Amino acid sequence: MRRPSGLSTGRQRVLWAATAVLVVCGLLVWWLRPTPTPSPGGEITFATGVRTGVYERYGTLFKKRLARDLPRVDLTLQRSQGSVQNLARIVSGEADFTITASDALAAYREKGGKRASHIRACARLYDDYMHLVVRRDSPVDSARDLKGLRVGVGERRSGVALVTERLLKAAGLDMDHDVHPVRKGIDTMPKLLSEGKLDAFFWSGGLPTGAIERLAERTDIRLVQLGDLLPRLHEQRPETRYYRAAVMAPDAYPTVQRGRSVKTVAIANLLVTLDSTDPELTEGITRSVIKSRDQIGREVHAAQKVDLRTAIYTDPVPLHEGARRYYRSAKP
């Protein structure tokens, strides 16, 4: 017996209606689906530091990590004399990102440097520790004993030179008149000390600094404490508040310290850019910095101090909007 044609027509209508609903729903899902945002791209420049210094090594390792995290970004590394020159390169547009010590940045802002109000931070990284390095048999037991000696004070546009001048002043010495200043970087000072052409040198860097480890392999050296200078240091200028009391643990340089800790002064390092830098790019750079901590930290031990909880404390400059976006998204 044939089925009534009305029943067949009704089923067809239901089928067509269901099909139409599915098509509409499919189109709606397609229309509402999140559109993948292309990762930032282009060429950028990162100013690092002097050869064999921690800034330079950090930059080299970060470039490798960034190639994986932001493959469309072509990062060029640019060596420099250090923090002071790095700031000059950022504000002039020669570099897009750089590392600088917070005291150098505060001094630049205090003197009303060009585009100082446009500098923004991506993250607080790790602390630099001030080193005063002498040969093991040196009579120098404090910075006050450096009078009349040949002292490596860092290159002219480095953060090392900035804080060294202040430390010597706290010790009652004038860098230009009471010592014989040798304006060289960490790529040169260890060799000069080893050859007897320097009596001492200052260095500001993460722990441990490879150049000092290598010096200790061929020359018997000591680290002279600087912690007693902190009170006088804080009396000098407002930006000296960025110096804090610190201790080099005995395992920082085991063969040098021989089980003894060394009191010194530490300064925070910041990763900075300008407020005009693309927020998407800055967010990606910031994310890569935080995520690369363990990988970079295996070779640059100071980088192990990079931490999501402390990275947002970037005084004396505010966070870049792109960095803010990352920290909001990463908040637990």
C-alpha atoms as a PDB file:
ATOM      1  CA  MET A   1       0.000   0.000   0.000  1.00  0.00           C
ATOM      2  CA  ARG A   2       1.342   3.458  -0.875  1.00  0.00           C
ATOM      3  CA  ARG A   3       2.007   5.874   1.974  1.00  0.00           C
ATOM      4  CA  PRO A   4      -0.025   9.073   1.962  1.00  0.00           C
ATOM      5  CA  SER A   5       1.848  11.727  -0.002  1.00  0.00           C
ATOM      6  CA  GLY A   6       1.200  14.288   2.761  1.00  0.00           C
ATOM      7  CA  LEU A   7       3.392  12.381   5.221  1.00  0.00           C
ATOM      8  CA  SER A   8       6.295  12.326   2.779  1.00  0.00           C
ATOM      9  CA  THR A   9       5.957  16.033   2.118  1.00  0.00           C
ATOM     10  CA  GLY A  10       5.944  16.795   5.856  1.00  0.00           C
ATOM     11  CA  ARG A  11       9.112  14.872   6.419  1.00  0.00           C
ATOM     12  CA  GLN A  12      10.742  16.660   3.552  1.00  0.00           C
ATOM     13  CA  ARG A  13       9.812  19.987   5.063  1.00  0.00           C
ATOM     14  CA  VAL A  14      11.303  18.992   8.420  1.00  0.00           C
ATOM     15  CA  LEU A  15      14.459  17.813   6.700  1.00  0.00           C
ATOM     16  CA  TRP A  16      14.788  21.024   4.706  1.00  0.00           C
ATOM     17  CA  ALA A  17      14.194  23.124   7.810  1.00  0.00           C
ATOM     18  CA  ALA A  18      16.819  21.197   9.791  1.00  0.00           C
ATOM     19  CA  THR A  19      19.276  21.555   6.952  1.00  0.00           C
ATOM     20  CA  ALA A  20      18.636  25.299   6.773  1.00  0.00           C
ATOM     21  CA  VAL A  21      19.171  25.652  10.514  1.00  0.00           C
ATOM     22  CA  LEU A  22      22.465  23.756  10.323  1.00  0.00           C
ATOM     23  CA  VAL A  23      23.653  25.914   7.432  1.00  0.00           C
ATOM     24  CA  VAL A  24      22.727  29.113   9.254  1.00  0.00           C
ATOM     25  CA  CYS A  25      24.396  27.902  12.452  1.00  0.00           C
ATOM     26  CA  GLY A  26      27.500  26.927  10.505  1.00  0.00           C
ATOM     27  CA  LEU A  27      27.675  30.329   8.856  1.00  0.00           C
ATOM     28  CA  LEU A  28      27.138  32.032  12.217  1.00  0.00           C
ATOM     29  CA  VAL A  29      29.932  30.029  13.834  1.00  0.00           C
ATOM     30  CA  TRP A  30      32.238  30.832  10.920  1.00  0.00           C
ATOM     31  CA  TRP A  31      31.356  34.522  11.126  1.00  0.00           C
ATOM     32  CA  LEU A  32      31.800  34.721  14.895  1.00  0.00           C
ATOM     33  CA  ARG A  33      34.966  32.636  15.137  1.00  0.00           C
ATOM     34  CA  PRO A  34      38.033  34.572  16.388  1.00  0.00           C
ATOM     35  CA  THR A  35      40.231  35.669  13.527  1.00  0.00           C
ATOM     36  CA  PRO A  36      43.847  34.636  14.128  1.00  0.00           C
ATOM     37  CA  THR A  37      45.964  37.726  14.707  1.00  0.00           C
ATOM     38  CA  PRO A  38      49.141  37.592  12.647  1.00  0.00           C
ATOM     39  CA  SER A  39      52.263  37.711  14.799  1.00  0.00           C
ATOM     40  CA  PRO A  40      54.235  40.968  14.682  1.00  0.00           C
ATOM     41  CA  GLY A  41      56.890  41.201  12.016  1.00  0.00           C
ATOM     42  CA  GLY A  42      59.573  43.473  10.629  1.00  0.00           C
ATOM     43  CA  GLU A  43      63.128  44.490  11.403  1.00  0.00           C
ATOM     44  CA  ILE A  44      64.082  45.720  14.878  1.00  0.00           C
ATOM     45  CA  THR A  45      67.357  46.571  16.598  1.00  0.00           C
ATOM     46  CA  PHE A  46      68.364  45.594  20.127  1.00  0.00           C
ATOM     47  CA  ALA A  47      71.271  47.513  21.730  1.00  0.00           C
ATOM     48  CA  THR A  48      73.194  45.258  24.105  1.00  0.00           C
ATOM     49  CA  GLY A  49      76.576  46.067  25.639  1.00  0.00           C
ATOM     50  CA  VAL A  50      80.302  45.570  25.484  1.00  0.00           C
ATOM     51  CA  ARG A  51      81.747  42.326  24.151  1.00  0.00           C
ATOM     52  CA  THR A  52      82.014  39.599  26.858  1.00  0.00           C
ATOM     53  CA  GLY A  53      79.565  41.491  29.104  1.00  0.00           C
ATOM     54  CA  VAL A  54      76.273  40.106  30.404  1.00  0.00           C
ATOM     55  CA  TYR A  55      74.130  42.479  28.304  1.00  0.00           C
ATOM     56  CA  GLU A  56      75.824  41.240  25.148  1.00  0.00           C
ATOM     57  CA  ARG A  57      75.469  37.557  26.053  1.00  0.00           C
ATOM     58  CA  TYR A  58      71.852  38.005  27.100  1.00  0.00           C
ATOM     59  CA  GLY A  59      71.042  39.677  23.781  1.00  0.00           C
ATOM     60  CA  THR A  60      72.650  36.872  21.782  1.00  0.00           C
ATOM     61  CA  LEU A  61      70.607  34.200  23.554  1.00  0.00           C
ATOM     62  CA  PHE A  62      67.414  36.253  23.433  1.00  0.00           C
ATOM     63  CA  LYS A  63      67.744  36.624  19.665  1.00  0.00           C
ATOM     64  CA  LYS A  64      67.709  32.833  19.296  1.00  0.00           C
ATOM     65  CA  ARG A  65      64.630  32.546  21.495  1.00  0.00           C
ATOM     66  CA  LEU A  66      62.784  35.332  19.691  1.00  0.00           C
ATOM     67  CA  ALA A  67      63.343  33.623  16.326  1.00  0.00           C
ATOM     68  CA  ARG A  68      61.143  30.838  17.666  1.00  0.00           C
ATOM     69  CA  ASP A  69      58.548  32.981  19.449  1.00  0.00           C
ATOM     70  CA  LEU A  70      58.187  35.709  16.789  1.00  0.00           C
ATOM     71  CA  PRO A  71      59.507  34.185  13.549  1.00  0.00           C
ATOM     72  CA  ARG A  72      58.417  37.182  11.468  1.00  0.00           C
ATOM     73  CA  VAL A  73      60.630  39.541  13.478  1.00  0.00           C
ATOM     74  CA  ASP A  74      64.203  40.047  12.271  1.00  0.00           C
ATOM     75  CA  LEU A  75      66.233  41.108  15.313  1.00  0.00           C
ATOM     76  CA  THR A  76      69.607  42.802  14.841  1.00  0.00           C
ATOM     77  CA  LEU A  77      71.962  43.073  17.827  1.00  0.00           C
ATOM     78  CA  GLN A  78      73.993  46.232  18.301  1.00  0.00           C
ATOM     79  CA  ARG A  79      76.948  46.304  20.699  1.00  0.00           C
ATOM     80  CA  SER A  80      77.451  49.405  22.822  1.00  0.00           C
ATOM     81  CA  GLN A  81      79.465  50.814  25.694  1.00  0.00           C
ATOM     82  CA  GLY A  82      76.568  50.162  28.075  1.00  0.00           C
ATOM     83  CA  SER A  83      73.563  51.783  29.723  1.00  0.00           C
ATOM     84  CA  VAL A  84      74.282  55.437  28.956  1.00  0.00           C
ATOM     85  CA  GLN A  85      74.921  54.837  25.267  1.00  0.00           C
ATOM     86  CA  ASN A  86      71.969  52.457  25.097  1.00  0.00           C
ATOM     87  CA  LEU A  87      69.640  55.230  26.228  1.00  0.00           C
ATOM     88  CA  ALA A  88      71.081  57.570  23.612  1.00  0.00           C
ATOM     89  CA  ARG A  89      70.406  54.991  20.931  1.00  0.00           C
ATOM     90  CA  ILE A  90      66.827  54.431  22.023  1.00  0.00           C
ATOM     91  CA  VAL A  91      65.853  58.107  22.003  1.00  0.00           C
ATOM     92  CA  SER A  92      67.662  58.732  18.701  1.00  0.00           C
ATOM     93  CA  GLY A  93      65.887  55.831  17.008  1.00  0.00           C
ATOM     94  CA  GLU A  94      69.109  53.884  16.389  1.00  0.00           C
ATOM     95  CA  ALA A  95      67.720  51.043  18.520  1.00  0.00           C
ATOM     96  CA  ASP A  96      64.174  49.847  19.207  1.00  0.00           C
ATOM     97  CA  PHE A  97      64.801  47.956  22.447  1.00  0.00           C
ATOM     98  CA  THR A  98      67.650  47.891  24.929  1.00  0.00           C
ATOM     99  CA  ILE A  99      68.739  47.034  28.456  1.00  0.00           C
ATOM    100  CA  THR A 100      69.699  49.834  30.815  1.00  0.00           C
ATOM    101  CA  ALA A 101      70.425  50.168  34.509  1.00  0.00           C
ATOM    102  CA  SER A 102      67.756  51.985  36.506  1.00  0.00           C
ATOM    103  CA  ASP A 103      70.239  54.504  37.934  1.00  0.00           C
ATOM    104  CA  ALA A 104      71.363  55.548  34.442  1.00  0.00           C
ATOM    105  CA  LEU A 105      67.748  55.918  33.353  1.00  0.00           C
ATOM    106  CA  ALA A 106      66.888  57.964  36.449  1.00  0.00           C
ATOM    107  CA  ALA A 107      69.881  60.248  35.843  1.00  0.00           C
ATOM    108  CA  TYR A 108      68.826  60.748  32.226  1.00  0.00           C
ATOM    109  CA  ARG A 109      65.319  61.709  33.274  1.00  0.00           C
ATOM    110  CA  GLU A 110      66.594  63.932  36.089  1.00  0.00           C
ATOM    111  CA  LYS A 111      68.640  66.047  33.690  1.00  0.00           C
ATOM    112  CA  GLY A 112      65.730  66.329  31.239  1.00  0.00           C
ATOM    113  CA  GLY A 113      67.284  64.246  28.490  1.00  0.00           C
ATOM    114  CA  LYS A 114      65.849  64.244  24.985  1.00  0.00           C
ATOM    115  CA  ARG A 115      62.550  62.304  24.796  1.00  0.00           C
ATOM    116  CA  ALA A 116      63.049  61.109  28.375  1.00  0.00           C
ATOM    117  CA  SER A 117      59.302  61.255  29.033  1.00  0.00           C
ATOM    118  CA  HIS A 118      58.694  58.864  26.116  1.00  0.00           C
ATOM    119  CA  ILE A 119      60.796  56.002  27.467  1.00  0.00           C
ATOM    120  CA  ARG A 120      58.757  52.995  28.574  1.00  0.00           C
ATOM    121  CA  ALA A 121      59.671  49.685  30.169  1.00  0.00           C
ATOM    122  CA  CYS A 122      58.865  46.137  29.131  1.00  0.00           C
ATOM    123  CA  ALA A 123      60.232  44.417  32.229  1.00  0.00           C
ATOM    124  CA  ARG A 124      62.532  44.579  35.177  1.00  0.00           C
ATOM    125  CA  LEU A 125      65.138  41.938  34.427  1.00  0.00           C
ATOM    126  CA  TYR A 126      67.945  41.085  36.839  1.00  0.00           C
ATOM    127  CA  ASP A 127      70.222  43.094  39.124  1.00  0.00           C
ATOM    128  CA  ASP A 128      73.750  44.186  38.337  1.00  0.00           C
ATOM    129  CA  TYR A 129      76.254  43.771  41.178  1.00  0.00           C
ATOM    130  CA  MET A 130      79.160  46.164  41.554  1.00  0.00           C
ATOM    131  CA  HIS A 131      82.540  44.439  41.488  1.00  0.00           C
ATOM    132  CA  LEU A 132      85.842  45.906  42.603  1.00  0.00           C
ATOM    133  CA  VAL A 133      88.469  43.454  41.359  1.00  0.00           C
ATOM    134  CA  VAL A 134      92.129  43.407  42.471  1.00  0.00           C
ATOM    135  CA  ARG A 135      94.947  40.888  42.452  1.00  0.00           C
ATOM    136  CA  ARG A 136      95.074  38.586  45.470  1.00  0.00           C
ATOM    137  CA  ASP A 137      98.244  40.248  46.823  1.00  0.00           C
ATOM    138  CA  SER A 138      96.921  43.810  46.416  1.00  0.00           C
ATOM    139  CA  PRO A 139      96.956  46.048  49.527  1.00  0.00           C
ATOM    140  CA  VAL A 140      93.509  47.414  48.559  1.00  0.00           C
ATOM    141  CA  ASP A 141      90.868  46.477  51.136  1.00  0.00           C
ATOM    142  CA  SER A 142      88.333  49.210  50.390  1.00  0.00           C
ATOM    143  CA  ALA A 143      87.616  51.782  47.688  1.00  0.00           C
ATOM    144  CA  ARG A 144      89.346  54.379  49.895  1.00  0.00           C
ATOM    145  CA  ASP A 145      92.655  52.575  49.263  1.00  0.00           C
ATOM    146  CA  LEU A 146      92.532  53.307  45.523  1.00  0.00           C
ATOM    147  CA  LYS A 147      94.061  56.786  45.785  1.00  0.00           C
ATOM    148  CA  GLY A 148      96.897  57.222  43.328  1.00  0.00           C
ATOM    149  CA  LEU A 149      96.323  53.843  41.653  1.00  0.00           C
ATOM    150  CA  ARG A 150      95.501  52.866  38.071  1.00  0.00           C
ATOM    151  CA  VAL A 151      91.806  52.011  38.141  1.00  0.00           C
ATOM    152  CA  GLY A 152      89.594  50.677  35.376  1.00  0.00           C
ATOM    153  CA  VAL A 153      86.392  52.731  35.573  1.00  0.00           C
ATOM    154  CA  GLY A 154      84.416  51.545  32.538  1.00  0.00           C
ATOM    155  CA  GLU A 155      83.924  53.153  29.159  1.00  0.00           C
ATOM    156  CA  ARG A 156      82.772  56.767  28.979  1.00  0.00           C
ATOM    157  CA  ARG A 157      79.159  56.060  28.022  1.00  0.00           C
ATOM    158  CA  SER A 158      78.676  53.049  30.263  1.00  0.00           C
ATOM    159  CA  GLY A 159      76.632  52.541  33.387  1.00  0.00           C
ATOM    160  CA  VAL A 160      79.829  51.246  35.015  1.00  0.00           C
ATOM    161  CA  ALA A 161      81.478  54.666  34.704  1.00  0.00           C
ATOM    162  CA  LEU A 162      78.399  56.381  36.134  1.00  0.00           C
ATOM    163  CA  VAL A 163      78.226  54.335  39.323  1.00  0.00           C
ATOM    164  CA  THR A 164      82.023  54.095  39.687  1.00  0.00           C
ATOM    165  CA  GLU A 165      82.335  57.874  39.841  1.00  0.00           C
ATOM    166  CA  ARG A 166      79.661  57.949  42.542  1.00  0.00           C
ATOM    167  CA  LEU A 167      81.268  55.145  44.539  1.00  0.00           C
ATOM    168  CA  LEU A 168      84.638  56.865  44.455  1.00  0.00           C
ATOM    169  CA  LYS A 169      83.000  60.095  45.583  1.00  0.00           C
ATOM    170  CA  ALA A 170      81.382  58.192  48.474  1.00  0.00           C
ATOM    171  CA  ALA A 171      84.873  56.980  49.344  1.00  0.00           C
ATOM    172  CA  GLY A 172      86.146  60.571  49.405  1.00  0.00           C
ATOM    173  CA  LEU A 173      87.937  60.335  46.046  1.00  0.00           C
ATOM    174  CA  ASP A 174      87.590  62.275  42.812  1.00  0.00           C
ATOM    175  CA  MET A 175      87.681  59.988  39.784  1.00  0.00           C
ATOM    176  CA  ASP A 176      89.589  62.460  37.607  1.00  0.00           C
ATOM    177  CA  HIS A 177      92.122  63.650  40.169  1.00  0.00           C
ATOM    178  CA  ASP A 178      92.615  61.115  42.972  1.00  0.00           C
ATOM    179  CA  VAL A 179      92.998  57.981  40.829  1.00  0.00           C
ATOM    180  CA  HIS A 180      94.409  57.346  37.368  1.00  0.00           C
ATOM    181  CA  PRO A 181      91.200  56.421  35.496  1.00  0.00           C
ATOM    182  CA  VAL A 182      91.461  53.906  32.681  1.00  0.00           C
ATOM    183  CA  ARG A 183      88.308  54.119  30.591  1.00  0.00           C
ATOM    184  CA  LYS A 184      88.010  50.598  29.252  1.00  0.00           C
ATOM    185  CA  GLY A 185      85.285  47.956  29.257  1.00  0.00           C
ATOM    186  CA  ILE A 186      85.030  44.429  30.606  1.00  0.00           C
ATOM    187  CA  ASP A 187      86.426  43.143  27.306  1.00  0.00           C
ATOM    188  CA  THR A 188      89.754  44.848  28.097  1.00  0.00           C
ATOM    189  CA  MET A 189      90.096  45.480  31.861  1.00  0.00           C
ATOM    190  CA  PRO A 190      90.684  41.855  32.971  1.00  0.00           C
ATOM    191  CA  LYS A 191      93.602  41.500  30.543  1.00  0.00           C
ATOM    192  CA  LEU A 192      95.135  44.771  31.750  1.00  0.00           C
ATOM    193  CA  LEU A 193      94.883  43.657  35.383  1.00  0.00           C
ATOM    194  CA  SER A 194      96.395  40.284  34.544  1.00  0.00           C
ATOM    195  CA  GLU A 195      99.316  41.988  32.762  1.00  0.00           C
ATOM    196  CA  GLY A 196      99.950  44.372  35.664  1.00  0.00           C
ATOM    197  CA  LYS A 197      98.796  47.431  33.711  1.00  0.00           C
ATOM    198  CA  LEU A 198      95.892  48.046  36.109  1.00  0.00           C
ATOM    199  CA  ASP A 199      95.837  47.957  39.898  1.00  0.00           C
ATOM    200  CA  ALA A 200      92.085  47.470  40.134  1.00  0.00           C
ATOM    201  CA  PHE A 201      88.908  47.725  38.091  1.00  0.00           C
ATOM    202  CA  PHE A 202      85.211  48.290  38.682  1.00  0.00           C
ATOM    203  CA  TRP A 203      82.527  46.331  36.907  1.00  0.00           C
ATOM    204  CA  SER A 204      78.734  46.299  37.123  1.00  0.00           C
ATOM    205  CA  GLY A 205      77.168  43.081  35.914  1.00  0.00           C
ATOM    206  CA  GLY A 206      75.062  40.043  36.642  1.00  0.00           C
ATOM    207  CA  LEU A 207      76.393  37.138  38.664  1.00  0.00           C
ATOM    208  CA  PRO A 208      78.564  35.560  37.606  1.00  0.00           C
ATOM    209  CA  THR A 209      80.192  37.600  34.851  1.00  0.00           C
ATOM    210  CA  GLY A 210      82.028  35.290  32.467  1.00  0.00           C
ATOM    211  CA  ALA A 211      84.950  37.654  31.886  1.00  0.00           C
ATOM    212  CA  ILE A 212      85.733  37.654  35.618  1.00  0.00           C
ATOM    213  CA  GLU A 213      85.404  33.874  35.833  1.00  0.00           C
ATOM    214  CA  ARG A 214      87.899  33.541  32.981  1.00  0.00           C
ATOM    215  CA  LEU A 215      90.260  36.052  34.605  1.00  0.00           C
ATOM    216  CA  ALA A 216      90.227  33.973  37.797  1.00  0.00           C
ATOM    217  CA  GLU A 217      91.386  30.926  35.822  1.00  0.00           C
ATOM    218  CA  ARG A 218      94.689  32.609  34.949  1.00  0.00           C
ATOM    219  CA  THR A 219      95.186  35.230  37.677  1.00  0.00           C
ATOM    220  CA  ASP A 220      94.750  35.031  41.448  1.00  0.00           C
ATOM    221  CA  ILE A 221      92.216  37.786  42.231  1.00  0.00           C
ATOM    222  CA  ARG A 222      90.020  39.108  45.042  1.00  0.00           C
ATOM    223  CA  LEU A 223      86.731  40.986  45.234  1.00  0.00           C
ATOM    224  CA  VAL A 224      86.811  44.050  47.499  1.00  0.00           C
ATOM    225  CA  GLN A 225      83.675  44.846  49.502  1.00  0.00           C
ATOM    226  CA  LEU A 226      81.782  48.057  48.650  1.00  0.00           C
ATOM    227  CA  GLY A 227      78.890  47.771  51.077  1.00  0.00           C
ATOM    228  CA  ASP A 228      80.318  50.342  53.503  1.00  0.00           C
ATOM    229  CA  LEU A 229      79.864  53.082  50.870  1.00  0.00           C
ATOM    230  CA  LEU A 230      76.082  52.805  50.579  1.00  0.00           C
ATOM    231  CA  PRO A 231      75.118  55.418  53.229  1.00  0.00           C
ATOM    232  CA  ARG A 232      77.393  58.051  51.651  1.00  0.00           C
ATOM    233  CA  LEU A 233      76.190  56.997  48.203  1.00  0.00           C
ATOM    234  CA  HIS A 234      72.557  57.672  49.112  1.00  0.00           C
ATOM    235  CA  GLU A 235      73.446  61.185  50.253  1.00  0.00           C
ATOM    236  CA  GLN A 236      74.613  62.306  46.810  1.00  0.00           C
ATOM    237  CA  ARG A 237      71.644  62.634  44.429  1.00  0.00           C
ATOM    238  CA  PRO A 238      67.970  61.598  44.295  1.00  0.00           C
ATOM    239  CA  GLU A 239      68.638  58.887  41.716  1.00  0.00           C
ATOM    240  CA  THR A 240      71.119  57.145  44.023  1.00  0.00           C
ATOM    241  CA  ARG A 241      68.101  55.644  45.784  1.00  0.00           C
ATOM    242  CA  TYR A 242      68.176  53.006  43.049  1.00  0.00           C
ATOM    243  CA  TYR A 243      71.261  51.479  44.651  1.00  0.00           C
ATOM    244  CA  ARG A 244      70.572  48.817  47.256  1.00  0.00           C
ATOM    245  CA  ALA A 245      72.658  46.816  49.669  1.00  0.00           C
ATOM    246  CA  ALA A 246      73.506  43.389  48.299  1.00  0.00           C
ATOM    247  CA  VAL A 247      75.698  40.397  49.018  1.00  0.00           C
ATOM    248  CA  MET A 248      77.594  38.236  46.573  1.00  0.00           C
ATOM    249  CA  ALA A 249      77.068  34.704  47.861  1.00  0.00           C
ATOM    250  CA  PRO A 250      80.186  32.532  48.225  1.00  0.00           C
ATOM    251  CA  ASP A 251      79.189  30.455  45.196  1.00  0.00           C
ATOM    252  CA  ALA A 252      79.062  33.456  42.832  1.00  0.00           C
ATOM    253  CA  TYR A 253      82.802  33.057  42.168  1.00  0.00           C
ATOM    254  CA  PRO A 254      83.839  30.035  44.277  1.00  0.00           C
ATOM    255  CA  THR A 255      87.534  30.046  43.418  1.00  0.00           C
ATOM    256  CA  VAL A 256      87.773  33.792  44.035  1.00  0.00           C
ATOM    257  CA  GLN A 257      85.702  34.103  47.204  1.00  0.00           C
ATOM    258  CA  ARG A 258      86.848  30.877  48.858  1.00  0.00           C
ATOM    259  CA  GLY A 259      83.754  30.445  50.948  1.00  0.00           C
ATOM    260  CA  ARG A 260      83.312  34.122  51.829  1.00  0.00           C
ATOM    261  CA  SER A 261      80.442  36.410  50.914  1.00  0.00           C
ATOM    262  CA  VAL A 262      81.147  39.952  49.684  1.00  0.00           C
ATOM    263  CA  LYS A 263      79.020  42.977  50.589  1.00  0.00           C
ATOM    264  CA  THR A 264      78.370  45.278  47.669  1.00  0.00           C
ATOM    265  CA  VAL A 265      75.829  47.482  45.868  1.00  0.00           C
ATOM    266  CA  ALA A 266      73.243  46.306  43.331  1.00  0.00           C
ATOM    267  CA  ILE A 267      71.236  48.091  40.619  1.00  0.00           C
ATOM    268  CA  ALA A 268      68.164  46.810  38.739  1.00  0.00           C
ATOM    269  CA  ASN A 269      68.266  46.408  34.962  1.00  0.00           C
ATOM    270  CA  LEU A 270      65.262  47.271  32.799  1.00  0.00           C
ATOM    271  CA  LEU A 271      64.300  46.316  29.268  1.00  0.00           C
ATOM    272  CA  VAL A 272      63.072  49.540  27.656  1.00  0.00           C
ATOM    273  CA  THR A 273      61.685  51.001  24.438  1.00  0.00           C
ATOM    274  CA  LEU A 274      59.723  54.128  23.442  1.00  0.00           C
ATOM    275  CA  ASP A 275      56.010  54.717  23.909  1.00  0.00           C
ATOM    276  CA  SER A 276      55.619  54.871  20.105  1.00  0.00           C
ATOM    277  CA  THR A 277      56.726  51.244  19.658  1.00  0.00           C
ATOM    278  CA  ASP A 278      53.939  48.998  18.335  1.00  0.00           C
ATOM    279  CA  PRO A 279      51.960  47.507  21.278  1.00  0.00           C
ATOM    280  CA  GLU A 280      51.590  44.112  19.585  1.00  0.00           C
ATOM    281  CA  LEU A 281      55.325  43.896  19.065  1.00  0.00           C
ATOM    282  CA  THR A 282      56.065  45.052  22.598  1.00  0.00           C
ATOM    283  CA  GLU A 283      53.626  42.516  24.021  1.00  0.00           C
ATOM    284  CA  GLY A 284      55.331  39.751  22.048  1.00  0.00           C
ATOM    285  CA  ILE A 285      58.816  40.860  23.105  1.00  0.00           C
ATOM    286  CA  THR A 286      57.744  41.011  26.759  1.00  0.00           C
ATOM    287  CA  ARG A 287      56.162  37.568  26.594  1.00  0.00           C
ATOM    288  CA  SER A 288      59.313  36.110  25.082  1.00  0.00           C
ATOM    289  CA  VAL A 289      61.509  37.718  27.770  1.00  0.00           C
ATOM    290  CA  ILE A 290      59.481  36.174  30.572  1.00  0.00           C
ATOM    291  CA  LYS A 291      59.058  32.785  28.911  1.00  0.00           C
ATOM    292  CA  SER A 292      62.759  32.495  28.046  1.00  0.00           C
ATOM    293  CA  ARG A 293      63.972  32.838  31.628  1.00  0.00           C
ATOM    294  CA  ASP A 294      64.879  29.193  32.183  1.00  0.00           C
ATOM    295  CA  GLN A 295      66.380  28.693  28.736  1.00  0.00           C
ATOM    296  CA  ILE A 296      68.599  31.790  28.856  1.00  0.00           C
ATOM    297  CA  GLY A 297      69.257  31.289  32.569  1.00  0.00           C
ATOM    298  CA  ARG A 298      71.093  28.049  31.866  1.00  0.00           C
ATOM    299  CA  GLU A 299      73.875  30.085  30.249  1.00  0.00           C
ATOM    300  CA  VAL A 300      73.381  33.549  31.797  1.00  0.00           C
ATOM    301  CA  HIS A 301      72.718  32.742  35.435  1.00  0.00           C
ATOM    302  CA  ALA A 302      71.586  36.305  36.177  1.00  0.00           C
ATOM    303  CA  ALA A 303      68.615  35.768  33.852  1.00  0.00           C
ATOM    304  CA  GLN A 304      67.210  33.222  36.317  1.00  0.00           C
ATOM    305  CA  LYS A 305      66.175  36.242  38.404  1.00  0.00           C
ATOM    306  CA  VAL A 306      63.666  37.394  35.758  1.00  0.00           C
ATOM    307  CA  ASP A 307      60.311  36.826  37.414  1.00  0.00           C
ATOM    308  CA  LEU A 308      56.708  37.575  36.447  1.00  0.00           C
ATOM    309  CA  ARG A 309      55.944  38.891  39.937  1.00  0.00           C
ATOM    310  CA  THR A 310      58.774  41.442  39.990  1.00  0.00           C
ATOM    311  CA  ALA A 311      59.012  42.265  36.266  1.00  0.00           C
ATOM    312  CA  ILE A 312      56.266  44.905  36.560  1.00  0.00           C
ATOM    313  CA  TYR A 313      58.274  47.062  39.005  1.00  0.00           C
ATOM    314  CA  THR A 314      60.044  49.294  36.496  1.00  0.00           C
ATOM    315  CA  ASP A 315      60.617  52.519  38.429  1.00  0.00           C
ATOM    316  CA  PRO A 316      61.632  55.173  37.252  1.00  0.00           C
ATOM    317  CA  VAL A 317      59.539  54.681  34.074  1.00  0.00           C
ATOM    318  CA  PRO A 318      56.053  53.243  33.522  1.00  0.00           C
ATOM    319  CA  LEU A 319      55.298  50.072  31.615  1.00  0.00           C
ATOM    320  CA  HIS A 320      54.631  50.223  27.894  1.00  0.00           C
ATOM    321  CA  GLU A 321      50.993  49.545  26.966  1.00  0.00           C
ATOM    322  CA  GLY A 322      51.993  46.363  25.143  1.00  0.00           C
ATOM    323  CA  ALA A 323      53.802  45.092  28.239  1.00  0.00           C
ATOM    324  CA  ARG A 324      50.743  45.902  30.351  1.00  0.00           C
ATOM    325  CA  ARG A 325      48.615  43.780  28.029  1.00  0.00           C
ATOM    326  CA  TYR A 326      50.914  40.827  28.502  1.00  0.00           C
ATOM    327  CA  TYR A 327      51.010  41.080  32.297  1.00  0.00           C
ATOM    328  CA  ARG A 328      47.211  41.362  32.466  1.00  0.00           C
ATOM    329  CA  SER A 329      46.849  38.245  30.325  1.00  0.00           C
ATOM    330  CA  ALA A 330      49.463  36.356  32.324  1.00  0.00           C
ATOM    331  CA  LYS A 331      48.026  37.232  35.719  1.00  0.00           C
ATOM    332  CA  PRO A 332      47.202  33.947  37.563  1.00  0.00           C
END
